[in-house]
Amino acid sequence: MKKILNLTLLIIIWNNVSYAQNKKCNSFEVWIDDDKGEFTNIRAEPNGTIIFKINHKNYNNWGYLVNVIDSKNGWLKINNITGMDECEISNFEGWIHTSVVGITTTHDIYLLDEPNGKRLLKIIGETLEHFKVLDEADGEKLIEIKGEKINHFKIIDIDCNWMKIKTKKGSGWVQSEKLCGNPVTTCP
């Protein structure tokens, strides 16, 4: 009986190690949403040496998208930065803190208490229903956005393909595929 119990325990441990090694986390995009100072730091490692700075004040705050390939303790590992004027910095790896990036959604989403957990609250996504075309007297067509600001969120934590985000209504977990890292376009 003891041998069967030991064998069962060994199989359980092996499966957990195997799952952790085979866990595939997808990359995702966020935009630089830094309202402090003029530059956003890109570091060699979390809290490490600054390898370069992005001047976000000569752009607007949503002028740069970064591609995230990993995360660690509130830091995002990135390998690509794209500017709205089509400038691109690639073929590097650096780290940026979650406090200086933003993300939004085009989907109605539920925030969960944990990945695959129970629903806490619903967030209405940005959709075409939020926009209305106005005809001006001079024939110009203008677009009005209902509400004052586009909903954008701060990232609190990441667990592979799940993100814990902070919204105006509260915080919770959502699948990263439901989020959009580009504030000036709609994502699928």
Protein backbone atom coordinates (compact mmCIF):
# COMPACT_ATOMS: atom_id res chain seq x y z
CA MET A 1 0.00 0.00 0.00
CA LYS A 2 2.85 2.36 0.85
CA LYS A 3 4.43 1.74 -2.60
CA ILE A 4 1.16 2.61 -4.34
CA LEU A 5 0.83 5.80 -2.30
CA ASN A 6 4.43 6.81 -3.11
CA LEU A 7 3.90 6.04 -6.80
CA THR A 8 0.68 8.10 -6.84
CA LEU A 9 2.45 11.02 -5.17
CA LEU A 10 5.30 10.80 -7.68
CA ILE A 11 2.84 10.85 -10.61
CA ILE A 12 1.05 13.91 -9.19
CA ILE A 13 4.33 15.79 -8.74
CA TRP A 14 5.52 14.82 -12.24
CA ASN A 15 2.25 16.02 -13.81
CA ASN A 16 2.48 19.38 -12.02
CA VAL A 17 6.11 19.89 -13.11
CA SER A 18 5.27 18.83 -16.66
CA TYR A 19 2.29 21.23 -16.79
CA ALA A 20 4.39 24.14 -15.52
CA GLN A 21 7.07 23.46 -18.13
CA ASN A 22 4.53 23.16 -20.97
CA LYS A 23 2.42 26.17 -19.98
CA LYS A 24 2.28 28.43 -23.05
CA CYS A 25 1.79 32.09 -22.27
CA ASN A 26 0.90 34.37 -25.18
CA SER A 27 2.54 37.73 -25.77
CA PHE A 28 0.31 40.81 -25.66
CA GLU A 29 0.50 44.56 -26.22
CA VAL A 30 0.02 47.49 -23.87
CA TRP A 31 0.57 51.19 -24.41
CA ILE A 32 2.80 53.53 -22.45
CA ASP A 33 0.50 55.47 -20.11
CA ASP A 34 3.03 57.38 -18.03
CA ASP A 35 1.95 60.75 -16.64
CA LYS A 36 5.08 61.36 -14.56
CA GLY A 37 8.03 63.23 -15.98
CA GLU A 38 9.05 63.34 -19.60
CA PHE A 39 10.63 59.90 -20.06
CA THR A 40 9.62 56.29 -19.44
CA ASN A 41 12.48 54.03 -18.40
CA ILE A 42 13.25 50.69 -20.04
CA ARG A 43 15.48 48.60 -17.78
CA ALA A 44 17.84 45.64 -18.24
CA GLU A 45 16.02 43.76 -15.45
CA PRO A 46 13.30 44.61 -12.91
CA ASN A 47 14.55 47.61 -10.87
CA GLY A 48 17.83 47.30 -12.77
CA THR A 49 19.98 49.56 -14.89
CA ILE A 50 18.15 51.85 -17.32
CA ILE A 51 19.09 50.75 -20.85
CA PHE A 52 17.17 53.53 -22.60
CA LYS A 53 14.39 56.07 -22.11
CA ILE A 54 11.30 56.72 -24.20
CA ASN A 55 10.30 60.38 -24.51
CA HIS A 56 6.53 60.10 -24.14
CA LYS A 57 5.85 63.83 -23.72
CA ASN A 58 6.80 64.72 -27.30
CA TYR A 59 4.18 62.19 -28.33
CA ASN A 60 0.87 61.84 -26.62
CA ASN A 61 0.71 59.36 -23.76
CA TRP A 62 -0.73 56.73 -26.08
CA GLY A 63 1.98 57.14 -28.67
CA TYR A 64 3.91 53.93 -27.99
CA LEU A 65 2.84 50.30 -27.93
CA VAL A 66 5.06 47.70 -26.28
CA ASN A 67 5.00 43.95 -26.87
CA VAL A 68 5.06 41.99 -23.60
CA ILE A 69 6.64 38.52 -23.56
CA ASP A 70 6.88 37.79 -19.82
CA SER A 71 6.15 39.26 -16.40
CA LYS A 72 7.66 39.21 -12.94
CA ASN A 73 6.55 40.94 -9.72
CA GLY A 74 4.87 43.97 -11.32
CA TRP A 75 7.35 44.22 -14.20
CA LEU A 76 6.75 43.40 -17.87
CA LYS A 77 9.47 41.95 -20.08
CA ILE A 78 9.24 43.54 -23.53
CA ASN A 79 10.95 42.94 -26.87
CA ASN A 80 9.42 45.54 -29.18
CA ILE A 81 8.30 49.18 -29.01
CA THR A 82 6.23 50.68 -31.81
CA GLY A 83 5.41 54.38 -32.12
CA MET A 84 2.26 55.71 -33.73
CA ASP A 85 4.43 57.42 -36.35
CA GLU A 86 5.64 53.94 -37.35
CA CYS A 87 8.99 54.14 -35.60
CA GLU A 88 10.00 50.79 -34.16
CA ILE A 89 12.58 49.55 -31.69
CA SER A 90 13.00 45.79 -31.87
CA ASN A 91 15.51 42.98 -31.34
CA PHE A 92 16.06 43.74 -27.66
CA GLU A 93 14.73 42.63 -24.30
CA GLY A 94 13.98 45.05 -21.51
CA TRP A 95 11.64 45.58 -18.57
CA ILE A 96 8.96 48.20 -17.94
CA HIS A 97 6.86 48.59 -14.78
CA THR A 98 3.10 47.93 -14.92
CA SER A 99 2.41 51.32 -13.32
CA VAL A 100 3.40 53.13 -16.54
CA VAL A 101 1.31 51.12 -19.03
CA GLY A 102 -2.38 50.96 -19.88
CA ILE A 103 -4.79 48.52 -21.47
CA THR A 104 -8.47 48.64 -22.49
CA THR A 105 -11.14 46.35 -23.94
CA THR A 106 -13.51 46.33 -26.88
CA HIS A 107 -15.49 43.47 -25.32
CA ASP A 108 -17.97 43.40 -22.49
CA ILE A 109 -16.02 41.50 -19.86
CA TYR A 110 -16.54 40.06 -16.43
CA LEU A 111 -13.92 40.60 -13.78
CA LEU A 112 -13.36 37.38 -11.84
CA ASP A 113 -12.13 36.75 -8.30
CA GLU A 114 -9.33 34.53 -9.70
CA PRO A 115 -8.43 33.03 -13.09
CA ASN A 116 -11.41 30.86 -14.15
CA GLY A 117 -13.12 31.97 -10.92
CA LYS A 118 -16.50 33.45 -10.11
CA ARG A 119 -17.80 36.71 -11.57
CA LEU A 120 -17.37 39.89 -9.54
CA LEU A 121 -18.64 42.60 -11.91
CA LYS A 122 -19.25 43.41 -15.56
CA ILE A 123 -17.30 46.03 -17.53
CA ILE A 124 -18.80 47.43 -20.73
CA GLY A 125 -16.24 47.48 -23.54
CA GLU A 126 -15.59 50.21 -26.06
CA THR A 127 -17.66 49.40 -29.14
CA LEU A 128 -19.14 51.30 -32.05
CA GLU A 129 -22.22 51.81 -29.89
CA HIS A 130 -20.13 54.31 -27.92
CA PHE A 131 -19.64 56.51 -30.99
CA LYS A 132 -22.08 58.73 -32.86
CA VAL A 133 -21.48 60.62 -36.11
CA LEU A 134 -22.56 64.26 -35.94
CA ASP A 135 -23.28 66.46 -38.96
CA GLU A 136 -22.00 69.99 -38.53
CA ALA A 137 -23.52 72.98 -40.33
CA ASP A 138 -20.46 73.27 -42.60
CA GLY A 139 -20.86 69.66 -43.79
CA GLU A 140 -18.05 68.27 -41.63
CA LYS A 141 -18.65 64.93 -39.99
CA LEU A 142 -17.50 64.70 -36.41
CA ILE A 143 -17.38 61.72 -34.10
CA GLU A 144 -18.68 62.07 -30.58
CA ILE A 145 -17.59 59.61 -27.94
CA LYS A 146 -20.29 58.94 -25.37
CA GLY A 147 -18.89 59.50 -21.91
CA GLU A 148 -15.88 61.53 -20.91
CA LYS A 149 -12.98 59.13 -21.38
CA ILE A 150 -12.20 55.82 -22.96
CA ASN A 151 -12.08 53.14 -20.28
CA HIS A 152 -8.52 52.20 -19.67
CA PHE A 153 -7.19 49.99 -16.96
CA LYS A 154 -4.03 49.43 -14.97
CA ILE A 155 -2.48 45.98 -14.69
CA ILE A 156 -2.11 44.73 -11.13
CA ASP A 157 -0.90 41.17 -11.72
CA ILE A 158 -0.39 38.62 -14.49
CA ASP A 159 -0.76 34.85 -14.45
CA CYS A 160 0.20 33.60 -17.92
CA ASN A 161 -2.83 34.38 -20.12
CA TRP A 162 -4.80 36.06 -17.33
CA MET A 163 -4.46 39.64 -16.06
CA LYS A 164 -5.69 41.20 -12.88
CA ILE A 165 -6.74 44.74 -13.79
CA LYS A 166 -7.86 47.77 -11.83
CA THR A 167 -10.86 49.69 -13.19
CA LYS A 168 -12.88 52.61 -11.86
CA LYS A 169 -15.46 50.10 -10.60
CA GLY A 170 -13.10 47.60 -8.98
CA SER A 171 -10.48 45.02 -9.79
CA GLY A 172 -10.43 41.41 -10.91
CA TRP A 173 -9.03 38.83 -13.31
CA VAL A 174 -9.77 38.65 -17.05
CA GLN A 175 -8.34 36.62 -19.93
CA SER A 176 -5.67 38.66 -21.69
CA GLU A 177 -7.19 37.87 -25.11
CA LYS A 178 -10.22 39.99 -24.10
CA LEU A 179 -8.03 43.06 -23.56
CA CYS A 180 -6.69 45.56 -26.08
CA GLY A 181 -3.26 47.16 -25.91
CA ASN A 182 -3.96 49.87 -28.48
CA PRO A 183 -5.96 52.88 -27.24
CA VAL A 184 -6.62 54.41 -30.65
CA THR A 185 -8.09 51.46 -32.52
CA THR A 186 -10.43 48.59 -31.92
CA CYS A 187 -8.96 45.19 -31.25
CA PRO A 188 -10.58 41.93 -32.32
